[in-house]
Protein backbone atom coordinates (compact mmCIF):
# COMPACT_ATOMS: atom_id res chain seq x y z
CA MET A 1 0.00 0.00 0.00
CA LYS A 2 1.09 3.55 -0.63
CA ASN A 3 0.43 4.82 2.88
CA GLU A 4 2.62 2.22 4.53
CA LYS A 5 6.36 2.34 3.96
CA ARG A 6 7.52 3.51 0.57
CA ALA A 7 9.82 1.05 -1.16
CA GLY A 8 13.45 1.33 -0.09
CA LEU A 9 13.00 4.24 2.32
CA THR A 10 13.58 4.33 6.05
CA ASP A 11 10.88 5.53 8.43
CA PHE A 12 12.62 8.89 8.75
CA GLU A 13 12.93 9.41 4.99
CA ALA A 14 9.34 8.40 4.35
CA GLY A 15 7.99 10.81 6.93
CA SER A 16 10.41 13.73 6.78
CA MET A 17 9.62 15.17 3.33
CA TYR A 18 6.22 14.91 1.78
CA ASN A 19 4.36 15.94 4.92
CA GLY A 20 2.05 18.55 3.51
CA SER A 21 1.71 19.52 -0.11
CA LYS A 22 4.18 18.72 -2.87
CA ARG A 23 4.27 22.41 -3.72
CA GLU A 24 5.49 23.31 -0.22
CA SER A 25 8.40 20.88 -0.53
CA TYR A 26 9.43 22.41 -3.86
CA VAL A 27 9.24 25.89 -2.37
CA LYS A 28 11.57 24.87 0.47
CA ALA A 29 14.09 23.37 -1.94
CA ILE A 30 14.05 26.40 -4.24
CA ALA A 31 14.25 28.78 -1.26
CA ASN A 32 17.38 27.03 0.02
CA ILE A 33 19.00 27.26 -3.42
CA LEU A 34 18.17 30.97 -3.64
CA ILE A 35 19.50 31.62 -0.14
CA GLY A 36 22.73 29.88 -1.13
CA VAL A 37 23.05 31.99 -4.27
CA PHE A 38 22.42 35.10 -2.16
CA PHE A 39 25.21 34.24 0.31
CA ALA A 40 27.69 33.41 -2.45
CA THR A 41 26.88 36.61 -4.32
CA ALA A 42 27.04 38.70 -1.14
CA GLY A 43 30.47 37.23 -0.37
CA ILE A 44 31.77 38.10 -3.83
CA LEU A 45 30.39 41.64 -3.70
CA GLU A 46 31.75 42.20 -0.20
CA PHE A 47 35.16 40.95 -1.32
CA PHE A 48 35.31 43.42 -4.21
CA GLN A 49 34.07 46.27 -2.01
CA ILE A 50 36.79 45.59 0.57
CA GLN A 51 39.42 45.20 -2.13
CA LYS A 52 38.45 48.56 -3.62
CA TRP A 53 38.56 50.14 -0.16
CA GLU A 54 42.04 48.71 0.53
CA ILE A 55 43.37 50.12 -2.73
CA ASN A 56 41.69 53.54 -2.68
CA GLY A 57 41.45 54.14 1.06
CA GLY A 58 38.73 56.33 2.45
CA HIS A 59 35.72 55.13 4.39
CA ILE A 60 33.83 51.84 4.22
CA SER A 61 30.73 50.84 6.13
CA MET A 62 30.59 47.29 7.47
CA ASN A 63 28.25 45.67 9.92
CA GLU A 64 29.77 44.30 13.11
CA GLY A 65 29.86 40.71 11.88
CA THR A 66 31.68 41.57 8.67
CA ALA A 67 34.11 43.84 10.54
CA LEU A 68 34.90 41.04 12.99
CA LEU A 69 35.43 38.54 10.18
CA TYR A 70 37.66 41.02 8.36
CA LYS A 71 39.80 41.52 11.45
CA LEU A 72 40.08 37.76 12.06
CA ILE A 73 40.44 36.27 8.58
CA GLY A 74 40.68 39.14 6.11
CA LYS A 75 38.91 39.70 2.82
CA TRP A 76 39.81 36.25 1.47
CA GLY A 77 38.36 34.64 4.57
CA ILE A 78 35.10 36.52 4.11
CA LEU A 79 34.95 35.35 0.50
CA VAL A 80 35.62 31.73 1.45
CA PHE A 81 33.25 31.80 4.45
CA MET A 82 30.35 33.25 2.46
CA GLY A 83 31.08 30.95 -0.46
CA ILE A 84 31.02 27.86 1.75
CA LEU A 85 27.85 29.06 3.44
CA GLY A 86 26.27 29.56 0.02
CA LEU A 87 27.35 26.12 -1.15
CA VAL A 88 25.90 24.50 1.97
CA PHE A 89 22.49 26.03 1.28
CA ILE A 90 22.65 25.21 -2.44
CA ARG A 91 23.59 21.61 -1.65
CA LYS A 92 20.75 21.34 0.86
CA GLY A 93 18.26 22.62 -1.70
CA VAL A 94 19.50 20.27 -4.41
CA LEU A 95 19.35 17.29 -2.06
CA GLN A 96 15.80 18.23 -1.03
CA TYR A 97 14.79 18.49 -4.67
CA ARG A 98 16.31 15.09 -5.46
CA GLN A 99 14.56 13.55 -2.46
CA ILE A 100 11.22 14.95 -3.63
CA LYS A 101 11.75 13.43 -7.07
CA ARG A 102 12.80 10.10 -5.55
CA LEU A 103 9.72 10.02 -3.32
CA GLN A 104 7.48 10.83 -6.26
CA LYS A 105 8.92 7.87 -8.18
CA ALA A 106 8.40 5.64 -5.13
CA ASP A 107 4.71 6.59 -5.05
CA PHE A 108 4.08 5.11 -8.47
């Protein structure tokens, strides 16, 4: 039966996704991908802004978190940190999307 265990899935996998509408699951996966793209893009833009500031001097406005990261690990560290954070979210979204597709195939 469909409502019992889906073929080849553990109890956790069968119950963790697919609770609610299919559309909601897709929205979560796409949202994670977009959040990841945002973080990666923000890291790149912040890197170029800091690089321009280091070359030209003057004044730059940073929030406290970015200023702390800059003091600890520099502009390259900010780029790497934001890039990794972005990749984590993108990976999570892609894995969610794949799981949705796998669960849809198991339903048939």
